[in-house]
C-alpha atoms as a PDB file:
ATOM      1  CA  MET A   1      20.600  53.808   1.307  1.00  0.00           C
ATOM      2  CA  LEU A   2      20.259  56.328   4.116  1.00  0.00           C
ATOM      3  CA  PHE A   3      17.468  58.335   2.530  1.00  0.00           C
ATOM      4  CA  LYS A   4      14.046  57.125   1.514  1.00  0.00           C
ATOM      5  CA  GLN A   5      10.531  58.505   1.717  1.00  0.00           C
ATOM      6  CA  ASN A   6       9.765  59.758   5.241  1.00  0.00           C
ATOM      7  CA  THR A   7      13.256  59.163   6.613  1.00  0.00           C
ATOM      8  CA  LYS A   8      13.348  60.811  10.049  1.00  0.00           C
ATOM      9  CA  ILE A   9      16.439  62.749  11.098  1.00  0.00           C
ATOM     10  CA  LEU A  10      16.669  63.914  14.705  1.00  0.00           C
ATOM     11  CA  PHE A  11      19.132  66.517  16.000  1.00  0.00           C
ATOM     12  CA  GLN A  12      19.777  66.360  19.732  1.00  0.00           C
ATOM     13  CA  GLY A  13      21.975  68.234  22.158  1.00  0.00           C
ATOM     14  CA  ASP A  14      22.445  71.634  23.740  1.00  0.00           C
ATOM     15  CA  SER A  15      22.513  75.288  22.661  1.00  0.00           C
ATOM     16  CA  ILE A  16      24.852  74.711  19.717  1.00  0.00           C
ATOM     17  CA  SER A  17      22.304  72.466  18.001  1.00  0.00           C
ATOM     18  CA  ASP A  18      19.351  74.406  19.458  1.00  0.00           C
ATOM     19  CA  ALA A  19      20.608  77.477  17.579  1.00  0.00           C
ATOM     20  CA  TYR A  20      17.754  79.773  18.657  1.00  0.00           C
ATOM     21  CA  ARG A  21      15.014  77.439  17.482  1.00  0.00           C
ATOM     22  CA  SER A  22      11.508  78.283  18.643  1.00  0.00           C
ATOM     23  CA  SER A  23       8.434  76.197  19.297  1.00  0.00           C
ATOM     24  CA  ASN A  24       6.245  79.305  19.060  1.00  0.00           C
ATOM     25  CA  PHE A  25       5.788  79.799  15.349  1.00  0.00           C
ATOM     26  CA  GLN A  26       2.969  81.634  13.641  1.00  0.00           C
ATOM     27  CA  ASP A  27       3.048  80.258  10.104  1.00  0.00           C
ATOM     28  CA  LEU A  28       3.804  76.581   9.590  1.00  0.00           C
ATOM     29  CA  ARG A  29       4.365  77.139   5.874  1.00  0.00           C
ATOM     30  CA  PHE A  30       7.922  78.082   6.811  1.00  0.00           C
ATOM     31  CA  PHE A  31       8.393  74.865   8.813  1.00  0.00           C
ATOM     32  CA  PRO A  32       7.431  71.813   6.737  1.00  0.00           C
ATOM     33  CA  CYS A  33       8.115  69.440   9.636  1.00  0.00           C
ATOM     34  CA  GLY A  34       5.965  71.503  11.980  1.00  0.00           C
ATOM     35  CA  GLU A  35       8.883  72.869  13.946  1.00  0.00           C
ATOM     36  CA  ASP A  36      11.641  75.439  13.670  1.00  0.00           C
ATOM     37  CA  LEU A  37      15.100  73.913  13.235  1.00  0.00           C
ATOM     38  CA  GLY A  38      16.884  77.078  14.346  1.00  0.00           C
ATOM     39  CA  ILE A  39      19.508  78.993  12.386  1.00  0.00           C
ATOM     40  CA  GLY A  40      22.479  76.648  12.798  1.00  0.00           C
ATOM     41  CA  PHE A  41      23.756  73.464  11.227  1.00  0.00           C
ATOM     42  CA  PRO A  42      20.454  71.521  11.547  1.00  0.00           C
ATOM     43  CA  LYS A  43      18.785  74.071   9.260  1.00  0.00           C
ATOM     44  CA  MET A  44      21.763  74.026   6.909  1.00  0.00           C
ATOM     45  CA  VAL A  45      21.628  70.245   6.648  1.00  0.00           C
ATOM     46  CA  GLU A  46      17.883  70.320   6.015  1.00  0.00           C
ATOM     47  CA  ALA A  47      18.388  72.759   3.136  1.00  0.00           C
ATOM     48  CA  ALA A  48      21.234  70.726   1.638  1.00  0.00           C
ATOM     49  CA  VAL A  49      19.304  67.441   1.836  1.00  0.00           C
ATOM     50  CA  ALA A  50      16.202  69.039   0.314  1.00  0.00           C
ATOM     51  CA  ALA A  51      18.280  70.382  -2.576  1.00  0.00           C
ATOM     52  CA  LYS A  52      19.973  67.030  -3.208  1.00  0.00           C
ATOM     53  CA  TYR A  53      16.864  64.857  -2.794  1.00  0.00           C
ATOM     54  CA  PRO A  54      13.948  67.058  -3.917  1.00  0.00           C
ATOM     55  CA  ASN A  55      11.607  64.100  -4.462  1.00  0.00           C
ATOM     56  CA  LEU A  56      12.048  62.628  -0.985  1.00  0.00           C
ATOM     57  CA  ASP A  57       9.962  63.799   1.953  1.00  0.00           C
ATOM     58  CA  VAL A  58      12.687  63.639   4.603  1.00  0.00           C
ATOM     59  CA  LYS A  59      11.467  64.605   8.076  1.00  0.00           C
ATOM     60  CA  PHE A  60      13.704  66.750  10.281  1.00  0.00           C
ATOM     61  CA  TYR A  61      13.354  67.250  14.027  1.00  0.00           C
ATOM     62  CA  ASN A  62      15.458  69.466  16.260  1.00  0.00           C
ATOM     63  CA  ARG A  63      14.918  68.731  19.938  1.00  0.00           C
ATOM     64  CA  ALA A  64      18.161  70.204  21.273  1.00  0.00           C
ATOM     65  CA  ILE A  65      17.726  72.523  24.278  1.00  0.00           C
ATOM     66  CA  SER A  66      20.109  75.246  25.354  1.00  0.00           C
ATOM     67  CA  GLY A  67      21.969  74.501  28.588  1.00  0.00           C
ATOM     68  CA  ASN A  68      21.317  70.766  28.516  1.00  0.00           C
ATOM     69  CA  ARG A  69      23.704  68.158  29.838  1.00  0.00           C
ATOM     70  CA  THR A  70      23.565  64.425  29.268  1.00  0.00           C
ATOM     71  CA  CYS A  71      21.463  64.053  32.426  1.00  0.00           C
ATOM     72  CA  ASP A  72      18.851  66.415  30.942  1.00  0.00           C
ATOM     73  CA  LEU A  73      18.675  64.363  27.773  1.00  0.00           C
ATOM     74  CA  VAL A  74      18.164  61.223  29.854  1.00  0.00           C
ATOM     75  CA  GLU A  75      15.161  62.809  31.589  1.00  0.00           C
ATOM     76  CA  ARG A  76      13.433  63.807  28.343  1.00  0.00           C
ATOM     77  CA  TRP A  77      14.687  61.043  26.071  1.00  0.00           C
ATOM     78  CA  GLN A  78      11.401  59.139  25.856  1.00  0.00           C
ATOM     79  CA  LYS A  79       9.463  62.126  24.534  1.00  0.00           C
ATOM     80  CA  ASP A  80      12.226  63.782  22.548  1.00  0.00           C
ATOM     81  CA  CYS A  81      13.829  60.740  20.941  1.00  0.00           C
ATOM     82  CA  LEU A  82      12.260  57.343  21.553  1.00  0.00           C
ATOM     83  CA  ASP A  83       8.723  58.454  20.700  1.00  0.00           C
ATOM     84  CA  ILE A  84      10.034  59.981  17.463  1.00  0.00           C
ATOM     85  CA  CYS A  85      11.926  56.761  16.616  1.00  0.00           C
ATOM     86  CA  PRO A  86      14.386  58.412  14.244  1.00  0.00           C
ATOM     87  CA  ASP A  87      16.185  56.692  11.383  1.00  0.00           C
ATOM     88  CA  ILE A  88      19.215  58.956  11.797  1.00  0.00           C
ATOM     89  CA  LEU A  89      20.281  60.452  15.135  1.00  0.00           C
ATOM     90  CA  ILE A  90      22.722  63.380  15.060  1.00  0.00           C
ATOM     91  CA  MET A  91      23.934  64.351  18.518  1.00  0.00           C
ATOM     92  CA  LEU A  92      26.262  66.964  19.985  1.00  0.00           C
ATOM     93  CA  ILE A  93      26.284  66.997  23.776  1.00  0.00           C
ATOM     94  CA  GLY A  94      28.841  67.321  26.544  1.00  0.00           C
ATOM     95  CA  ILE A  95      30.101  70.876  26.797  1.00  0.00           C
ATOM     96  CA  ASN A  96      27.700  71.713  29.635  1.00  0.00           C
ATOM     97  CA  ASP A  97      28.739  68.543  31.463  1.00  0.00           C
ATOM     98  CA  VAL A  98      32.136  70.248  31.550  1.00  0.00           C
ATOM     99  CA  TRP A  99      31.028  73.851  31.998  1.00  0.00           C
ATOM    100  CA  ARG A 100      28.814  73.365  35.052  1.00  0.00           C
ATOM    101  CA  LYS A 101      31.854  72.212  37.021  1.00  0.00           C
ATOM    102  CA  PHE A 102      33.414  75.630  36.579  1.00  0.00           C
ATOM    103  CA  ASP A 103      30.483  78.055  36.577  1.00  0.00           C
ATOM    104  CA  ALA A 104      28.120  76.323  39.038  1.00  0.00           C
ATOM    105  CA  ASN A 105      30.275  73.890  41.023  1.00  0.00           C
ATOM    106  CA  ASP A 106      28.062  71.097  39.687  1.00  0.00           C
ATOM    107  CA  PRO A 107      30.374  68.607  37.987  1.00  0.00           C
ATOM    108  CA  THR A 108      29.442  65.545  35.978  1.00  0.00           C
ATOM    109  CA  SER A 109      32.008  62.832  36.575  1.00  0.00           C
ATOM    110  CA  THR A 110      33.452  61.075  33.562  1.00  0.00           C
ATOM    111  CA  ASP A 111      31.877  57.810  34.721  1.00  0.00           C
ATOM    112  CA  GLN A 112      28.432  59.401  35.048  1.00  0.00           C
ATOM    113  CA  PHE A 113      28.849  61.104  31.678  1.00  0.00           C
ATOM    114  CA  GLU A 114      29.569  57.743  30.070  1.00  0.00           C
ATOM    115  CA  LYS A 115      26.644  56.093  31.861  1.00  0.00           C
ATOM    116  CA  ASN A 116      24.254  58.806  30.662  1.00  0.00           C
ATOM    117  CA  TYR A 117      25.574  58.820  27.112  1.00  0.00           C
ATOM    118  CA  ARG A 118      25.482  55.039  26.865  1.00  0.00           C
ATOM    119  CA  TYR A 119      21.842  54.999  27.976  1.00  0.00           C
ATOM    120  CA  LEU A 120      20.948  57.519  25.267  1.00  0.00           C
ATOM    121  CA  LEU A 121      22.516  55.426  22.536  1.00  0.00           C
ATOM    122  CA  GLU A 122      21.393  52.034  23.807  1.00  0.00           C
ATOM    123  CA  SER A 123      17.768  53.064  24.220  1.00  0.00           C
ATOM    124  CA  ALA A 124      17.647  54.829  20.844  1.00  0.00           C
ATOM    125  CA  ARG A 125      19.071  51.755  19.132  1.00  0.00           C
ATOM    126  CA  SER A 126      16.636  49.526  21.018  1.00  0.00           C
ATOM    127  CA  VAL A 127      13.573  51.191  19.448  1.00  0.00           C
ATOM    128  CA  ASN A 128      15.182  51.124  16.001  1.00  0.00           C
ATOM    129  CA  PRO A 129      17.878  48.459  15.553  1.00  0.00           C
ATOM    130  CA  ASP A 130      18.735  49.977  12.153  1.00  0.00           C
ATOM    131  CA  LEU A 131      19.305  53.436  13.616  1.00  0.00           C
ATOM    132  CA  LYS A 132      22.230  55.305  12.071  1.00  0.00           C
ATOM    133  CA  ILE A 133      24.110  57.512  14.543  1.00  0.00           C
ATOM    134  CA  ILE A 134      26.376  60.508  13.954  1.00  0.00           C
ATOM    135  CA  LEU A 135      28.182  61.915  16.982  1.00  0.00           C
ATOM    136  CA  LEU A 136      29.890  65.305  17.058  1.00  0.00           C
ATOM    137  CA  GLU A 137      32.443  65.845  19.790  1.00  0.00           C
ATOM    138  CA  PRO A 138      32.119  68.905  22.068  1.00  0.00           C
ATOM    139  CA  SER A 139      34.746  71.567  21.488  1.00  0.00           C
ATOM    140  CA  TYR A 140      36.443  74.494  23.182  1.00  0.00           C
ATOM    141  CA  LEU A 141      38.764  77.079  21.701  1.00  0.00           C
ATOM    142  CA  ASN A 142      40.358  79.802  23.762  1.00  0.00           C
ATOM    143  CA  ALA A 143      43.657  81.457  24.560  1.00  0.00           C
ATOM    144  CA  PRO A 144      46.086  79.402  26.669  1.00  0.00           C
ATOM    145  CA  GLY A 145      45.883  80.028  30.397  1.00  0.00           C
ATOM    146  CA  GLU A 146      45.191  78.330  33.705  1.00  0.00           C
ATOM    147  CA  PHE A 147      41.414  78.250  33.230  1.00  0.00           C
ATOM    148  CA  THR A 148      41.671  77.042  29.635  1.00  0.00           C
ATOM    149  CA  ASP A 149      44.080  74.291  30.671  1.00  0.00           C
ATOM    150  CA  ARG A 150      41.759  73.043  33.454  1.00  0.00           C
ATOM    151  CA  PHE A 151      38.703  73.299  31.211  1.00  0.00           C
ATOM    152  CA  ARG A 152      40.390  71.429  28.384  1.00  0.00           C
ATOM    153  CA  ALA A 153      41.586  68.657  30.684  1.00  0.00           C
ATOM    154  CA  GLU A 154      37.990  68.056  31.751  1.00  0.00           C
ATOM    155  CA  LEU A 155      36.774  68.308  28.162  1.00  0.00           C
ATOM    156  CA  LEU A 156      39.326  65.809  26.843  1.00  0.00           C
ATOM    157  CA  ASP A 157      38.073  63.218  29.340  1.00  0.00           C
ATOM    158  CA  LYS A 158      34.555  63.669  27.969  1.00  0.00           C
ATOM    159  CA  ILE A 159      35.745  63.586  24.357  1.00  0.00           C
ATOM    160  CA  ALA A 160      37.508  60.276  25.033  1.00  0.00           C
ATOM    161  CA  VAL A 161      34.177  58.838  26.207  1.00  0.00           C
ATOM    162  CA  VAL A 162      32.347  59.973  23.068  1.00  0.00           C
ATOM    163  CA  ARG A 163      35.050  58.467  20.873  1.00  0.00           C
ATOM    164  CA  ARG A 164      34.853  55.106  22.670  1.00  0.00           C
ATOM    165  CA  LEU A 165      31.090  55.039  22.389  1.00  0.00           C
ATOM    166  CA  ALA A 166      31.184  55.989  18.710  1.00  0.00           C
ATOM    167  CA  LYS A 167      33.335  52.940  18.057  1.00  0.00           C
ATOM    168  CA  GLU A 168      31.223  50.679  20.263  1.00  0.00           C
ATOM    169  CA  PHE A 169      27.959  51.706  18.597  1.00  0.00           C
ATOM    170  CA  ASN A 170      29.404  51.787  15.078  1.00  0.00           C
ATOM    171  CA  ALA A 171      28.540  55.483  14.826  1.00  0.00           C
ATOM    172  CA  TRP A 172      30.046  58.021  12.489  1.00  0.00           C
ATOM    173  CA  TYR A 173      32.182  60.503  14.373  1.00  0.00           C
ATOM    174  CA  ILE A 174      32.980  64.155  13.690  1.00  0.00           C
ATOM    175  CA  PRO A 175      35.992  65.487  15.666  1.00  0.00           C
ATOM    176  CA  MET A 176      34.792  69.078  15.863  1.00  0.00           C
ATOM    177  CA  ASP A 177      37.306  70.056  18.552  1.00  0.00           C
ATOM    178  CA  GLY A 178      40.185  69.054  16.315  1.00  0.00           C
ATOM    179  CA  ILE A 179      38.634  70.425  13.129  1.00  0.00           C
ATOM    180  CA  LEU A 180      37.947  73.856  14.626  1.00  0.00           C
ATOM    181  CA  ALA A 181      41.358  73.957  16.307  1.00  0.00           C
ATOM    182  CA  GLY A 182      42.981  73.211  12.971  1.00  0.00           C
ATOM    183  CA  LEU A 183      41.027  75.922  11.194  1.00  0.00           C
ATOM    184  CA  SER A 184      41.972  78.370  13.932  1.00  0.00           C
ATOM    185  CA  THR A 185      45.647  77.949  13.155  1.00  0.00           C
ATOM    186  CA  ARG A 186      45.026  79.693   9.831  1.00  0.00           C
ATOM    187  CA  THR A 187      42.461  82.315  10.838  1.00  0.00           C
ATOM    188  CA  GLU A 188      41.217  84.083  13.930  1.00  0.00           C
ATOM    189  CA  MET A 189      39.416  81.753  16.345  1.00  0.00           C
ATOM    190  CA  THR A 190      36.396  84.072  16.320  1.00  0.00           C
ATOM    191  CA  LYS A 191      35.701  83.226  12.687  1.00  0.00           C
ATOM    192  CA  TRP A 192      34.495  79.818  13.925  1.00  0.00           C
ATOM    193  CA  VAL A 193      33.335  80.352  17.517  1.00  0.00           C
ATOM    194  CA  PHE A 194      32.296  83.305  19.638  1.00  0.00           C
ATOM    195  CA  ASP A 195      34.470  84.752  22.395  1.00  0.00           C
ATOM    196  CA  ASP A 196      33.294  82.104  24.872  1.00  0.00           C
ATOM    197  CA  GLY A 197      35.181  79.532  22.817  1.00  0.00           C
ATOM    198  CA  VAL A 198      32.147  77.248  22.646  1.00  0.00           C
ATOM    199  CA  HIS A 199      29.248  78.548  20.561  1.00  0.00           C
ATOM    200  CA  TYR A 200      29.607  78.310  16.804  1.00  0.00           C
ATOM    201  CA  THR A 201      29.454  81.348  14.576  1.00  0.00           C
ATOM    202  CA  ASN A 202      27.671  81.019  11.242  1.00  0.00           C
ATOM    203  CA  CYS A 203      30.973  79.812   9.776  1.00  0.00           C
ATOM    204  CA  GLY A 204      31.339  77.260  12.558  1.00  0.00           C
ATOM    205  CA  HIS A 205      27.853  75.958  11.853  1.00  0.00           C
ATOM    206  CA  GLY A 206      28.817  75.781   8.190  1.00  0.00           C
ATOM    207  CA  VAL A 207      31.771  73.553   9.063  1.00  0.00           C
ATOM    208  CA  ALA A 208      29.536  71.196  11.066  1.00  0.00           C
ATOM    209  CA  ALA A 209      26.984  71.091   8.236  1.00  0.00           C
ATOM    210  CA  ARG A 210      29.720  70.365   5.699  1.00  0.00           C
ATOM    211  CA  GLU A 211      31.036  67.469   7.770  1.00  0.00           C
ATOM    212  CA  LEU A 212      27.548  66.048   8.274  1.00  0.00           C
ATOM    213  CA  MET A 213      26.705  66.263   4.578  1.00  0.00           C
ATOM    214  CA  ARG A 214      29.982  64.563   3.692  1.00  0.00           C
ATOM    215  CA  ILE A 215      28.996  61.585   5.864  1.00  0.00           C
ATOM    216  CA  LEU A 216      25.410  61.503   4.638  1.00  0.00           C
ATOM    217  CA  GLU A 217      26.364  61.715   0.959  1.00  0.00           C
ATOM    218  CA  GLU A 218      29.233  59.225   1.166  1.00  0.00           C
ATOM    219  CA  ASN A 219      27.022  56.622   2.835  1.00  0.00           C
ATOM    220  CA  ASP A 220      23.789  57.055   0.904  1.00  0.00           C
END
């Protein structure tokens, strides 16, 4: 079973998982775990798990930080993952490893991306050999054009890394890029992501939460 008393679930990543969370809260009655999970899919998953398992005290942690790349996670991984020693790690990271090449001329090579990502997974599994891992792939939706084509080429290299690592570490994998692209063939793209093509709308967060709950429920 995935869920038992005091199961610890950690969300990690960048602004998509961060979802406007705050560490400056006034009334902890609204945050049973002692921290704000934000307004995105981490909060949605918390609510769904609480509704399904009302008698279990599942602990949720959101330590995603807006703007982070894999190198940023490496620097803070001891405090924001290993010290927590989660039972379930849910991670979405990589879009900024792509983006910084184009908006700041600060690229992360595919090899370095894989090295960083592998360290994150290896070290997390080392402190908890029974750790369950769910990886969401980074995504980008936008109109065809020269910039989109170059951005997507870089992104697809990173996605290929995440897929390889998911298989290597026996992690569950959510292909968000493909899922959102598929949904966008039937509706406007902006139903799922904002105009930047990256950040989820409320509906996009709902899709991620649905996919996560499907995995959690099917494997509990």
